[in-house]
Amino acid sequence: LYNGVIDNSDNIKIVDSVNDTISFVGDVSLADDWYIIPKYEERGKGVYGILSESVVEIMKNTDVMVANNEFTISNRGSKMPKKYYTFRAKPERLSIYEEMGVDLVTLANNHIFDYGEEAFLDALTHLKEYNMPYIGAGVNLEEARGAYYFVVNGYKIAFVNATRAEKFFLTPGATDTTPGVFRCYDPTNFVNTISEVKKNSDYVVALVHFGREDSTVLEDVQVETSKLYIDAGADLIVGSHAHILQGIDFYNGKVIMYNLGDFIFNHETKDTAIFQLKINDDGSLEYYFIPCRQDNMYTYLLEDSEKVRVLNNIRGLSPNVVIEDSGKFYNK
């Protein structure tokens, strides 16, 4: 069990598997000073005021649900100077993650430090209080680069998270003695982290905050570093930050999901998706792309012609991938 000894049981969770799946969504904002939470309050339906029942059903019925936490969590702090967009949520908003079925959040992004160090440290504290595991940030580099593990269908999966999203550095990178996010502008530290956790895991999922915002055009660094991470031992790359769906690729048989875009983030009307990974009994992996749409601060599953439209768009961005009408996809 666990391929060996548990070094830190606080970072490992055994899942009573329902369907042996792990699911991922893109950017989530529960910030009180932004668009989603005012609608959540106004509509008075709890999570069903911002997510459709069919979306929540998928999220709650997956064994592990991963989301990008694109805001800080505190009642304190001041807006970071020179930053145009800043997002902060009251601690009690974290209860919405339970409504959504989220099991793990990524923090290596350009908004977790929006209200300074005081609020950042509060965010870590409150996530722990709400029993919400996180990766990609910490009180020091050791915590920020640390993995969180889930055991699904008898297989141990490590999740690690890093960011290289900012063109002008505002969000501090964690050091040996100071708090911040896990940066990968120089990919060496992330490569080393992946290599280390691969030694005691069956699979490694590397979640990376990168890419050009609101563009389907990949940056060279996304392609190049994703290959580095796979060569280091990653079995799957999942990206965020672009606020838009980008393409899918395979490298050495491993999936690169370049960007999942906004999931439930702002007032814009955008295509989005749930990406789902299934771990079969023999350890083989299946991949599914489930088209959704964010519209009027509400995210719902797409059906019929709209589902086909999004699948066709992703097919156009993913020349090396075969995507079936069901959303299942594989290397061409």
Protein backbone atom coordinates (compact mmCIF):
# COMPACT_ATOMS: atom_id res chain seq x y z
CA LEU A 1 0.00 0.00 0.00
CA TYR A 2 1.28 3.48 -1.06
CA ASN A 3 4.33 1.88 -2.74
CA GLY A 4 6.11 2.08 0.57
CA VAL A 5 6.11 4.13 3.73
CA ILE A 6 3.81 7.09 4.39
CA ASP A 7 6.14 9.96 5.23
CA ASN A 8 3.40 12.46 6.05
CA SER A 9 -0.08 11.03 6.55
CA ASP A 10 -1.56 14.54 6.59
CA ASN A 11 -0.81 14.74 2.88
CA ILE A 12 -2.41 11.47 1.83
CA LYS A 13 -6.07 10.52 1.54
CA ILE A 14 -7.45 7.10 0.66
CA VAL A 15 -10.56 7.45 -1.49
CA ASP A 16 -13.48 5.07 -1.27
CA SER A 17 -13.71 4.91 -5.03
CA VAL A 18 -17.09 5.49 -6.66
CA ASN A 19 -16.12 5.42 -10.32
CA ASP A 20 -12.30 5.57 -10.16
CA THR A 21 -12.16 9.06 -11.65
CA ILE A 22 -10.29 12.29 -11.04
CA SER A 23 -11.77 15.50 -12.41
CA PHE A 24 -10.35 18.96 -13.02
CA VAL A 25 -11.87 22.39 -13.58
CA GLY A 26 -10.19 25.70 -14.31
CA ASP A 27 -10.35 29.05 -12.56
CA VAL A 28 -12.77 29.49 -9.68
CA SER A 29 -13.49 32.79 -7.93
CA LEU A 30 -15.43 32.95 -4.69
CA ALA A 31 -14.27 36.53 -4.08
CA ASP A 32 -16.78 38.83 -2.42
CA ASP A 33 -15.56 41.79 -4.47
CA TRP A 34 -16.11 40.09 -7.82
CA TYR A 35 -19.02 38.72 -9.89
CA ILE A 36 -19.88 35.18 -8.77
CA ILE A 37 -20.56 35.58 -5.06
CA PRO A 38 -23.03 38.50 -5.43
CA LYS A 39 -25.09 36.27 -7.74
CA TYR A 40 -24.71 33.33 -5.36
CA GLU A 41 -26.25 35.52 -2.65
CA GLU A 42 -28.88 37.15 -4.85
CA ARG A 43 -30.25 33.92 -6.28
CA GLY A 44 -30.55 32.22 -2.90
CA LYS A 45 -30.12 28.68 -4.22
CA GLY A 46 -26.73 27.88 -2.76
CA VAL A 47 -24.34 26.35 -5.23
CA TYR A 48 -27.20 25.70 -7.63
CA GLY A 49 -27.43 29.44 -8.20
CA ILE A 50 -24.04 29.37 -9.92
CA LEU A 51 -23.71 25.77 -11.13
CA SER A 52 -26.26 23.52 -12.81
CA GLU A 53 -27.42 20.34 -11.09
CA SER A 54 -25.79 18.21 -13.79
CA VAL A 55 -22.43 19.94 -13.28
CA VAL A 56 -22.59 19.52 -9.50
CA GLU A 57 -23.57 15.88 -9.93
CA ILE A 58 -20.41 15.23 -11.96
CA MET A 59 -18.26 17.11 -9.46
CA LYS A 60 -19.65 15.32 -6.43
CA ASN A 61 -19.61 11.86 -8.02
CA THR A 62 -15.97 11.95 -9.03
CA ASP A 63 -13.46 10.47 -6.58
CA VAL A 64 -11.16 13.50 -6.58
CA MET A 65 -12.25 16.97 -7.73
CA VAL A 66 -9.50 19.55 -8.35
CA ALA A 67 -10.03 23.30 -8.90
CA ASN A 68 -7.81 26.37 -9.28
CA ASN A 69 -8.43 28.74 -6.33
CA GLU A 70 -8.02 32.16 -8.00
CA PHE A 71 -8.44 34.43 -4.94
CA THR A 72 -7.19 34.98 -1.42
CA ILE A 73 -9.19 34.20 1.73
CA SER A 74 -9.20 36.68 4.59
CA ASN A 75 -10.96 39.53 6.36
CA ARG A 76 -7.68 41.40 6.54
CA GLY A 77 -4.97 42.83 4.31
CA SER A 78 -4.65 45.60 1.74
CA LYS A 79 -4.80 45.41 -2.04
CA MET A 80 -1.44 44.76 -3.61
CA PRO A 81 -0.11 48.02 -5.08
CA LYS A 82 0.07 48.37 -8.87
CA LYS A 83 -2.32 45.47 -9.37
CA TYR A 84 -5.47 46.13 -11.41
CA TYR A 85 -7.49 43.05 -10.42
CA THR A 86 -7.50 41.85 -6.82
CA PHE A 87 -9.76 39.14 -5.38
CA ARG A 88 -10.55 38.39 -1.74
CA ALA A 89 -13.17 36.09 -0.16
CA LYS A 90 -14.52 35.91 3.36
CA PRO A 91 -13.36 32.69 5.05
CA GLU A 92 -16.91 31.35 5.24
CA ARG A 93 -17.05 31.24 1.43
CA LEU A 94 -14.91 28.11 1.61
CA SER A 95 -18.03 26.16 2.58
CA ILE A 96 -19.05 26.50 -1.08
CA TYR A 97 -16.25 24.14 -2.01
CA GLU A 98 -18.03 21.42 -0.05
CA GLU A 99 -21.24 22.26 -1.93
CA MET A 100 -19.32 21.88 -5.18
CA GLY A 101 -17.62 18.64 -4.19
CA VAL A 102 -14.08 20.03 -4.47
CA ASP A 103 -11.37 17.89 -2.82
CA LEU A 104 -8.15 19.78 -3.66
CA VAL A 105 -7.32 23.35 -4.71
CA THR A 106 -4.28 24.80 -6.45
CA LEU A 107 -2.81 28.04 -5.12
CA ALA A 108 0.21 28.62 -7.34
CA ASN A 109 -1.33 31.48 -9.26
CA ASN A 110 -1.24 35.28 -9.53
CA HIS A 111 -4.16 36.07 -7.18
CA ILE A 112 -3.60 34.15 -3.94
CA PHE A 113 -1.37 37.02 -2.68
CA ASP A 114 -3.69 39.84 -3.86
CA TYR A 115 -4.11 41.36 -0.37
CA GLY A 116 -0.57 40.90 0.85
CA GLU A 117 1.22 38.50 3.15
CA GLU A 118 -1.21 38.88 6.06
CA ALA A 119 -4.18 37.78 3.96
CA PHE A 120 -2.10 35.10 2.23
CA LEU A 121 -1.22 33.47 5.54
CA ASP A 122 -4.87 33.74 6.59
CA ALA A 123 -5.82 31.92 3.40
CA LEU A 124 -3.60 28.96 4.29
CA THR A 125 -5.00 28.90 7.83
CA HIS A 126 -8.63 29.05 6.71
CA LEU A 127 -8.18 26.34 4.08
CA LYS A 128 -6.88 24.07 6.84
CA GLU A 129 -9.79 25.02 9.10
CA TYR A 130 -12.20 23.99 6.35
CA ASN A 131 -10.26 20.75 5.72
CA MET A 132 -9.52 21.80 2.15
CA PRO A 133 -6.16 20.41 0.98
CA TYR A 134 -4.07 22.78 -1.14
CA ILE A 135 -0.87 22.70 -3.17
CA GLY A 136 1.39 25.27 -4.79
CA ALA A 137 1.82 27.76 -1.94
CA GLY A 138 2.98 27.78 1.64
CA VAL A 139 4.68 29.44 4.57
CA ASN A 140 7.98 28.44 2.97
CA LEU A 141 9.32 26.68 -0.10
CA GLU A 142 9.14 23.24 1.50
CA GLU A 143 5.38 23.56 1.94
CA ALA A 144 4.79 25.31 -1.39
CA ARG A 145 6.52 22.59 -3.41
CA GLY A 146 4.97 19.76 -1.39
CA ALA A 147 2.70 17.19 -3.00
CA TYR A 148 -0.73 16.04 -1.91
CA TYR A 149 -1.56 12.37 -2.53
CA PHE A 150 -4.80 10.53 -3.17
CA VAL A 151 -5.13 6.76 -3.41
CA VAL A 152 -7.76 5.95 -6.04
CA ASN A 153 -8.63 2.38 -7.07
CA GLY A 154 -5.50 1.22 -5.27
CA TYR A 155 -3.18 3.61 -7.14
CA LYS A 156 -1.30 6.44 -5.46
CA ILE A 157 -1.45 9.76 -7.34
CA ALA A 158 0.72 12.75 -6.45
CA PHE A 159 -0.50 16.27 -7.24
CA VAL A 160 2.00 19.15 -7.49
CA ASN A 161 1.47 22.76 -8.57
CA ALA A 162 3.62 25.66 -9.78
CA THR A 163 3.21 29.00 -11.57
CA ARG A 164 4.96 31.07 -14.19
CA ALA A 165 1.98 33.28 -15.04
CA GLU A 166 3.13 36.83 -14.37
CA LYS A 167 5.01 38.91 -16.91
CA PHE A 168 5.83 41.41 -14.16
CA PHE A 169 6.59 39.68 -10.87
CA LEU A 170 4.16 40.78 -8.16
CA THR A 171 3.28 37.55 -6.37
CA PRO A 172 6.28 36.51 -4.26
CA GLY A 173 7.82 33.11 -4.71
CA ALA A 174 8.27 31.07 -1.56
CA THR A 175 11.80 30.71 -0.22
CA ASP A 176 13.34 28.57 2.50
CA THR A 177 12.33 31.19 5.08
CA THR A 178 9.53 33.30 3.51
CA PRO A 179 5.97 32.56 2.33
CA GLY A 180 4.71 32.60 -1.24
CA VAL A 181 3.87 30.47 -4.24
CA PHE A 182 5.91 27.77 -5.94
CA ARG A 183 7.39 29.39 -9.04
CA CYS A 184 8.61 27.61 -12.18
CA TYR A 185 9.96 30.43 -14.35
CA ASP A 186 13.13 28.42 -14.07
CA PRO A 187 11.66 24.93 -14.41
CA THR A 188 14.49 23.23 -12.54
CA ASN A 189 12.84 23.18 -9.10
CA PHE A 190 9.57 21.86 -10.49
CA VAL A 191 11.41 19.21 -12.50
CA ASN A 192 13.21 18.11 -9.35
CA THR A 193 9.95 18.05 -7.37
CA ILE A 194 8.25 15.88 -9.98
CA SER A 195 11.20 13.51 -10.05
CA GLU A 196 11.15 13.18 -6.26
CA VAL A 197 7.42 12.48 -5.87
CA LYS A 198 7.45 10.06 -8.80
CA LYS A 199 9.67 7.78 -6.74
CA ASN A 200 6.85 7.06 -4.28
CA SER A 201 3.81 7.39 -6.55
CA ASP A 202 2.12 5.45 -9.30
CA TYR A 203 1.17 8.65 -11.14
CA VAL A 204 2.12 12.32 -10.92
CA VAL A 205 -0.24 15.12 -11.94
CA ALA A 206 1.54 18.44 -12.55
CA LEU A 207 -0.76 21.47 -12.47
CA VAL A 208 0.81 24.57 -13.99
CA HIS A 209 -0.39 28.18 -14.06
CA PHE A 210 0.87 29.41 -17.42
CA GLY A 211 -0.06 30.63 -20.88
CA ARG A 212 -1.16 33.80 -22.66
CA GLU A 213 -4.41 35.20 -21.29
CA ASP A 214 -7.49 35.06 -23.56
CA SER A 215 -5.56 33.41 -26.38
CA THR A 216 -5.69 29.92 -27.83
CA VAL A 217 -2.15 30.40 -29.18
CA LEU A 218 0.28 28.44 -27.06
CA GLU A 219 3.47 30.03 -25.82
CA ASP A 220 6.61 28.10 -26.71
CA VAL A 221 7.41 27.79 -23.01
CA GLN A 222 4.16 25.91 -22.38
CA VAL A 223 5.08 23.28 -24.94
CA GLU A 224 8.74 23.06 -23.97
CA THR A 225 8.34 22.91 -20.19
CA SER A 226 5.40 20.48 -20.36
CA LYS A 227 7.72 18.05 -22.12
CA LEU A 228 10.38 18.64 -19.47
CA TYR A 229 7.88 17.83 -16.73
CA ILE A 230 6.77 14.65 -18.47
CA ASP A 231 10.38 13.60 -19.00
CA ALA A 232 10.87 14.15 -15.23
CA GLY A 233 8.04 11.74 -14.40
CA ALA A 234 4.73 13.61 -14.77
CA ASP A 235 1.93 11.47 -16.17
CA LEU A 236 -0.43 14.37 -16.80
CA ILE A 237 -0.12 18.14 -17.23
CA VAL A 238 -3.13 20.35 -16.48
CA GLY A 239 -2.88 24.08 -17.13
CA SER A 240 -4.72 27.17 -15.95
CA HIS A 241 -4.38 30.98 -16.24
CA ALA A 242 -5.34 31.62 -19.88
CA HIS A 243 -9.03 32.18 -18.92
CA ILE A 244 -9.89 30.35 -22.14
CA LEU A 245 -9.83 26.77 -23.37
CA GLN A 246 -6.61 25.82 -25.13
CA GLY A 247 -5.69 22.65 -26.95
CA ILE A 248 -4.84 19.13 -25.85
CA ASP A 249 -1.73 17.18 -26.82
CA PHE A 250 0.11 13.97 -26.05
CA TYR A 251 3.83 13.60 -25.44
CA ASN A 252 5.37 10.17 -24.89
CA GLY A 253 1.87 8.86 -24.32
CA LYS A 254 1.07 11.42 -21.60
CA VAL A 255 -1.69 14.04 -21.83
CA ILE A 256 -1.06 17.78 -21.80
CA MET A 257 -4.28 19.71 -21.13
CA TYR A 258 -2.88 23.17 -21.81
CA ASN A 259 -5.67 25.25 -20.25
CA LEU A 260 -9.14 24.63 -18.87
CA GLY A 261 -10.08 28.33 -18.84
CA ASP A 262 -12.59 29.96 -16.52
CA PHE A 263 -14.94 27.54 -14.79
CA ILE A 264 -16.99 29.82 -12.55
CA PHE A 265 -15.00 33.03 -12.46
CA ASN A 266 -16.60 36.23 -13.79
CA HIS A 267 -19.42 37.84 -15.79
CA GLU A 268 -18.17 36.82 -19.23
CA THR A 269 -19.80 34.23 -21.47
CA LYS A 270 -17.17 31.58 -22.17
CA ASP A 271 -16.79 27.95 -23.10
CA THR A 272 -15.23 25.85 -20.38
CA ALA A 273 -14.98 22.18 -19.48
CA ILE A 274 -14.55 19.45 -16.93
CA PHE A 275 -11.56 17.25 -17.70
CA GLN A 276 -11.89 13.74 -16.33
CA LEU A 277 -9.32 11.00 -15.87
CA LYS A 278 -10.40 7.40 -15.26
CA ILE A 279 -8.00 4.89 -13.66
CA ASN A 280 -8.87 1.35 -14.69
CA ASP A 281 -8.17 -1.72 -12.57
CA ASP A 282 -5.12 -2.60 -14.67
CA GLY A 283 -3.69 0.93 -14.25
CA SER A 284 -4.50 2.07 -17.77
CA LEU A 285 -5.90 5.59 -18.10
CA GLU A 286 -8.89 6.97 -20.00
CA TYR A 287 -9.47 10.67 -20.69
CA TYR A 288 -12.70 12.62 -21.14
CA PHE A 289 -13.37 16.23 -22.12
CA ILE A 290 -16.81 17.39 -20.92
CA PRO A 291 -17.90 20.70 -22.53
CA CYS A 292 -19.55 23.33 -20.34
CA ARG A 293 -20.36 27.02 -20.59
CA GLN A 294 -20.15 29.94 -18.19
CA ASP A 295 -22.92 32.44 -18.89
CA ASN A 296 -24.46 35.10 -16.63
CA MET A 297 -22.42 33.91 -13.61
CA TYR A 298 -23.73 30.36 -14.07
CA THR A 299 -21.95 27.28 -15.44
CA TYR A 300 -23.81 24.40 -17.06
CA LEU A 301 -23.23 21.32 -19.22
CA LEU A 302 -23.51 21.72 -22.97
CA GLU A 303 -25.63 19.37 -25.03
CA ASP A 304 -26.44 18.67 -28.69
CA SER A 305 -25.16 21.24 -31.21
CA GLU A 306 -23.46 23.41 -28.60
CA LYS A 307 -21.54 20.44 -27.25
CA VAL A 308 -20.49 19.53 -30.78
CA ARG A 309 -19.40 23.12 -31.43
CA VAL A 310 -17.03 23.12 -28.45
CA LEU A 311 -15.71 19.64 -29.28
CA ASN A 312 -15.02 20.81 -32.84
CA ASN A 313 -13.20 23.87 -31.52
CA ILE A 314 -10.99 21.71 -29.31
CA ARG A 315 -10.39 19.30 -32.19
CA GLY A 316 -9.13 22.23 -34.21
CA LEU A 317 -6.71 23.16 -31.44
CA SER A 318 -5.57 19.56 -30.88
CA PRO A 319 -4.27 18.12 -34.18
CA ASN A 320 -2.59 15.12 -32.54
CA VAL A 321 -5.69 14.03 -30.63
CA VAL A 322 -8.80 12.08 -31.58
CA ILE A 323 -11.84 13.34 -29.64
CA GLU A 324 -14.96 11.21 -29.88
CA ASP A 325 -18.44 12.74 -29.74
CA SER A 326 -18.72 11.32 -26.22
CA GLY A 327 -15.78 13.50 -25.18
CA LYS A 328 -13.44 10.54 -24.75
CA PHE A 329 -10.09 11.27 -26.37
CA TYR A 330 -6.82 9.55 -27.17
CA ASN A 331 -3.56 10.02 -29.06
CA LYS A 332 -3.98 9.98 -32.84
